[in-house]
Protein backbone atom coordinates (compact mmCIF):
# COMPACT_ATOMS: atom_id res chain seq x y z
CA UNK A 1 6.92 13.07 13.25
CA UNK A 2 6.61 12.89 17.04
CA UNK A 3 3.36 13.56 18.46
CA UNK A 4 4.31 12.54 22.42
CA UNK A 5 6.18 9.79 23.52
CA UNK A 6 5.21 6.73 21.95
CA UNK A 7 4.07 7.90 19.28
CA UNK A 8 5.02 9.31 16.06
CA UNK A 9 3.69 10.19 12.84
CA UNK A 10 4.63 9.35 8.86
CA UNK A 11 3.63 11.24 5.97
CA UNK A 12 3.61 9.99 3.21
CA UNK A 13 3.30 10.26 -0.65
CA UNK A 14 0.98 8.05 -2.57
CA UNK A 15 -0.77 7.95 -5.95
CA UNK A 16 -4.21 6.06 -6.23
CA UNK A 17 -5.11 5.84 -10.03
CA UNK A 18 -4.50 9.14 -11.29
CA UNK A 19 -4.96 10.78 -7.79
CA UNK A 20 -2.21 11.87 -5.34
CA UNK A 21 -2.11 12.74 -1.92
CA UNK A 22 -0.21 12.35 1.86
CA UNK A 23 -1.25 9.59 4.27
CA UNK A 24 -0.57 9.70 7.67
CA UNK A 25 0.02 6.30 9.32
CA UNK A 26 0.67 6.31 12.79
CA UNK A 27 3.32 4.25 15.07
CA UNK A 28 3.18 2.97 19.38
CA UNK A 29 6.10 2.42 20.48
CA UNK A 30 8.80 1.54 22.93
CA UNK A 31 12.17 0.63 23.43
CA UNK A 32 11.23 -3.04 22.24
CA UNK A 33 8.68 -3.34 19.65
CA UNK A 34 5.72 -1.22 18.22
CA UNK A 35 1.83 -0.86 16.64
CA UNK A 36 1.66 0.36 13.31
CA UNK A 37 -2.11 2.05 12.50
CA UNK A 38 -2.87 1.64 8.79
CA UNK A 39 -0.48 0.84 6.37
CA UNK A 40 -1.16 2.46 3.14
CA UNK A 41 -1.56 1.50 -0.59
CA UNK A 42 -0.10 -1.88 -1.79
CA UNK A 43 3.41 -1.58 -2.24
CA UNK A 44 4.29 0.91 0.64
CA UNK A 45 5.71 -1.52 3.07
CA UNK A 46 9.01 -0.55 2.62
CA UNK A 47 8.61 3.35 2.46
CA UNK A 48 7.20 2.77 5.64
CA UNK A 49 9.75 0.57 6.85
CA UNK A 50 12.08 3.77 5.89
CA UNK A 51 10.62 6.19 7.29
CA UNK A 52 9.97 4.67 10.76
CA UNK A 53 14.14 3.38 10.90
CA UNK A 54 14.10 7.57 10.07
CA UNK A 55 12.35 8.37 12.94
CA UNK A 56 14.78 6.68 14.98
CA UNK A 57 12.24 3.75 16.17
CA UNK A 58 14.37 0.27 17.08
CA UNK A 59 12.44 -2.36 15.99
CA UNK A 60 12.28 -2.86 12.49
CA UNK A 61 9.07 -5.32 12.62
CA UNK A 62 6.11 -3.95 13.64
CA UNK A 63 4.29 -6.52 16.94
CA UNK A 64 0.91 -5.91 15.57
CA UNK A 65 -1.13 -3.56 13.14
CA UNK A 66 -4.79 -2.02 14.18
CA UNK A 67 -6.47 -1.19 10.95
CA UNK A 68 -8.64 1.49 11.42
CA UNK A 69 -11.06 0.35 8.15
CA UNK A 70 -11.27 -1.43 5.12
CA UNK A 71 -9.71 1.19 2.42
CA UNK A 72 -7.19 0.31 0.02
CA UNK A 73 -5.53 2.84 1.39
CA UNK A 74 -5.51 1.67 4.93
CA UNK A 75 -5.16 -2.03 4.11
CA UNK A 76 -3.07 -1.93 1.15
CA UNK A 77 0.56 -2.90 2.42
CA UNK A 78 -0.89 -5.43 4.98
CA UNK A 79 -0.18 -8.22 2.62
CA UNK A 80 3.56 -7.03 2.40
CA UNK A 81 4.17 -7.17 6.28
CA UNK A 82 2.63 -10.33 7.20
CA UNK A 83 4.75 -12.10 4.88
CA UNK A 84 7.96 -10.06 5.56
CA UNK A 85 7.89 -10.38 9.73
CA UNK A 86 9.93 -13.28 11.08
CA UNK A 87 7.14 -14.00 13.46
CA UNK A 88 3.10 -13.61 13.18
CA UNK A 89 1.89 -10.51 13.74
CA UNK A 90 -1.34 -9.63 15.65
CA UNK A 91 -4.09 -7.66 13.38
CA UNK A 92 -6.72 -5.53 14.80
CA UNK A 93 -9.50 -4.39 13.71
CA UNK A 94 -13.78 -4.01 14.14
CA UNK A 95 -15.74 -7.16 13.25
CA UNK A 96 -17.69 -5.10 10.87
CA UNK A 97 -14.71 -4.65 8.45
CA UNK A 98 -13.39 -7.77 9.16
CA UNK A 99 -14.84 -10.29 6.79
CA UNK A 100 -14.28 -7.81 3.86
CA UNK A 101 -10.81 -7.60 5.53
CA UNK A 102 -10.80 -11.50 5.37
CA UNK A 103 -11.19 -11.50 1.47
CA UNK A 104 -14.61 -13.50 2.63
CA UNK A 105 -16.74 -10.62 0.57
CA UNK A 106 -15.56 -7.51 -1.51
CA UNK A 107 -15.06 -4.13 -0.30
CA UNK A 108 -17.31 -2.26 -0.14
CA UNK A 109 -15.72 0.66 -1.66
CA UNK A 110 -13.64 -1.30 -4.29
CA UNK A 111 -15.29 -2.40 -7.41
CA UNK A 112 -13.36 -3.93 -9.45
CA UNK A 113 -12.98 -1.46 -12.21
CA UNK A 114 -11.26 1.23 -9.18
CA UNK A 115 -9.49 -1.89 -7.61
CA UNK A 116 -7.84 -2.97 -11.95
CA UNK A 117 -7.20 1.43 -11.93
CA UNK A 118 -4.95 1.61 -8.69
CA UNK A 119 -3.53 -1.44 -9.29
CA UNK A 120 -2.36 -1.41 -12.52
CA UNK A 121 0.24 1.30 -10.87
CA UNK A 122 1.94 -1.15 -8.97
CA UNK A 123 4.34 -3.60 -9.77
CA UNK A 124 3.32 -6.84 -10.41
CA UNK A 125 4.17 -8.93 -7.39
CA UNK A 126 2.37 -6.08 -5.18
CA UNK A 127 -0.29 -6.31 -7.03
CA UNK A 128 -0.26 -10.28 -6.80
CA UNK A 129 0.33 -10.57 -3.11
CA UNK A 130 -2.39 -8.21 -3.10
CA UNK A 131 -5.31 -9.67 -4.90
CA UNK A 132 -4.03 -13.27 -3.14
CA UNK A 133 -4.71 -11.82 0.66
CA UNK A 134 -7.95 -10.08 0.17
CA UNK A 135 -9.31 -13.27 -1.70
CA UNK A 136 -11.64 -15.83 0.24
CA UNK A 137 -9.40 -18.79 -0.57
CA UNK A 138 -6.49 -17.30 1.62
CA UNK A 139 -6.00 -17.74 5.40
CA UNK A 140 -8.29 -14.66 7.26
CA UNK A 141 -5.75 -11.52 7.72
CA UNK A 142 -7.78 -10.42 11.33
CA UNK A 143 -6.63 -12.08 14.37
CA UNK A 144 -8.11 -10.16 16.62
CA UNK A 145 -11.92 -8.42 16.49
CA UNK A 146 -12.39 -5.19 18.36
CA UNK A 147 -15.65 -3.40 19.81
CA UNK A 148 -16.86 -0.24 20.78
CA UNK A 149 -14.94 0.83 23.78
CA UNK A 150 -12.44 -2.02 24.07
CA UNK A 151 -9.09 -1.25 25.34
CA UNK A 152 -5.71 -2.29 23.80
CA UNK A 153 -2.78 -2.73 26.38
CA UNK A 154 -0.43 -0.59 23.51
CA UNK A 155 1.76 2.74 24.65
CA UNK A 156 0.08 2.02 28.32
CA UNK A 157 -3.89 2.44 27.03
CA UNK A 158 -5.32 2.43 23.86
CA UNK A 159 -9.52 2.65 24.04
CA UNK A 160 -11.37 2.13 20.75
CA UNK A 161 -13.61 3.95 19.18
CA UNK A 162 -16.33 3.15 16.85
CA UNK A 163 -17.25 4.79 14.14
CA UNK A 164 -19.29 3.95 11.92
CA UNK A 165 -20.24 5.45 8.50
CA UNK A 166 -17.04 6.22 6.52
CA UNK A 167 -17.32 2.21 6.33
CA UNK A 168 -19.33 -0.15 8.74
CA UNK A 169 -16.54 -0.93 10.78
CA UNK A 170 -14.31 2.27 10.90
CA UNK A 171 -12.70 2.59 14.26
CA UNK A 172 -10.70 5.96 15.93
CA UNK A 173 -8.31 4.90 18.60
CA UNK A 174 -7.87 7.42 22.08
CA UNK A 175 -4.63 6.86 24.13
CA UNK A 176 -5.33 7.92 26.92
CA UNK A 177 -1.58 9.16 28.44
CA UNK A 178 -1.45 12.17 25.79
CA UNK A 179 -5.32 12.56 25.15
CA UNK A 180 -4.30 11.68 21.75
CA UNK A 181 -7.26 10.96 19.15
CA UNK A 182 -6.16 9.05 16.20
CA UNK A 183 -9.30 9.64 14.03
CA UNK A 184 -8.57 7.40 11.02
CA UNK A 185 -10.67 8.86 8.09
CA UNK A 186 -13.72 9.81 11.19
CA UNK A 187 -12.15 13.23 10.53
CA UNK A 188 -9.59 14.89 7.82
CA UNK A 189 -7.77 18.15 8.56
CA UNK A 190 -7.19 20.91 5.05
CA UNK A 191 -5.62 23.96 5.36
CA UNK A 192 -5.44 23.48 8.47
CA UNK A 193 -8.95 23.18 9.96
CA UNK A 194 -10.69 20.01 11.47
CA UNK A 195 -13.89 18.98 9.47
CA UNK A 196 -15.86 15.76 9.91
CA UNK A 197 -15.38 13.28 7.45
CA UNK A 198 -15.34 13.81 3.31
CA UNK A 199 -18.68 13.39 2.22
CA UNK A 200 -16.77 12.20 -1.20
CA UNK A 201 -15.82 8.45 -0.01
CA UNK A 202 -18.54 7.81 3.31
CA UNK A 203 -21.02 5.80 1.74
CA UNK A 204 -23.38 6.51 4.80
CA UNK A 205 -22.74 10.70 6.07
CA UNK A 206 -25.76 10.32 8.23
CA UNK A 207 -24.13 7.78 10.63
CA UNK A 208 -20.81 8.67 9.78
CA UNK A 209 -22.00 13.10 11.14
CA UNK A 210 -24.08 10.70 14.38
CA UNK A 211 -20.55 8.86 15.00
CA UNK A 212 -18.76 12.35 15.95
CA UNK A 213 -20.89 12.55 19.51
CA UNK A 214 -18.15 10.06 19.91
CA UNK A 215 -15.67 11.80 20.70
CA UNK A 216 -17.28 14.33 23.08
CA UNK A 217 -17.27 11.41 25.74
CA UNK A 218 -12.82 12.24 25.66
CA UNK A 219 -10.85 15.25 26.72
CA UNK A 220 -8.56 15.61 23.33
CA UNK A 221 -5.74 17.67 23.23
CA UNK A 222 -4.39 16.20 19.68
CA UNK A 223 -5.75 14.55 17.11
CA UNK A 224 -4.50 12.56 13.43
CA UNK A 225 -5.82 12.40 10.55
CA UNK A 226 -4.99 10.09 8.27
CA UNK A 227 -5.64 12.92 5.67
CA UNK A 228 -4.24 16.18 6.52
CA UNK A 229 -2.55 15.25 9.37
CA UNK A 230 -2.59 16.79 13.02
CA UNK A 231 -4.65 19.32 14.40
CA UNK A 232 -4.35 20.74 18.23
CA UNK A 233 -6.26 23.48 18.32
CA UNK A 234 -9.22 23.76 21.18
CA UNK A 235 -9.70 20.19 19.94
CA UNK A 236 -12.92 19.74 21.41
CA UNK A 237 -14.38 22.62 21.21
CA UNK A 238 -13.64 22.50 17.33
CA UNK A 239 -15.51 19.18 17.50
CA UNK A 240 -19.25 20.44 19.26
CA UNK A 241 -19.41 23.30 16.25
CA UNK A 242 -18.54 20.13 13.37
CA UNK A 243 -21.23 18.42 15.28
CA UNK A 244 -23.16 21.57 16.15
CA UNK A 245 -22.82 23.59 12.02
CA UNK A 246 -23.31 19.73 9.88
CA UNK A 247 -25.95 17.96 12.28
C-alpha cells in the first residue's frame, strides 16, 4: 500500500511456531534504489521481494536495511537479503541492539526452546542461514549504529527516534516530508485503533510507555505499525490520550 510518495507499506502473513500474524515491513524508495525497514521471519525473503515487485518499485535489491529492533520477526530474513544482494547492503540498527543482531549475545526474547519452535517450521536451508548469521563466529551484521535524533538520508530525510522498552535498542523512524511515523513495535493497531506496545512481549513496559513521549515532538499524519498497519486519525491526539491513559 502506498502511504506517500516514496513510501510503501507491505503486508505479509507469517507463521511463528503455532502463531499466525500479519506483519508490515516498510519500503522507502526512489527511481534508483530502496531501503527496507525490517525483514520478516527466516524464509520471508522471496515473498518480500515479490511484494516489492508487485508494488512497482523498480530496483530488485535493497540499497540499505534498517532494523527497528532485534526480534526474530524483524531480523529473520536479514541473512537472505545479505546473501542474495550483488553488492554489500548497509544495515542500520540502534547501538543498544547491535550486539544481539550481530550474534555476540543471544536474542533477548528468543530462548532455545522458543527458537527451536520457530525454526522447525521453516526449510532447513533458511534455518541454517539464520543460525549461522546470528552467531558470534561470523562477521557483524550491522554496519551502521544509530542513536536518538540521528538523521538518515533516505526518502528526503528520516529521523531516528530511540523508543526502548520493547527491546533496549528499539527505534522508530519519522519521515519528515510526509509526516509519517514508522513505529516498529512501539505502537500497534488493533481493530482499527492505535494502541500502546503489546505487554505480552514488551519486557520493560514502564520504559516502553515513557518512550511514547518521544512522539509528541513530531507532527504525525500517519503511523505505520509493524503489527496492525496504518492509523491516520488525529494521530498526535490519540498518542496524547494513550500517554494519559497508560501512564
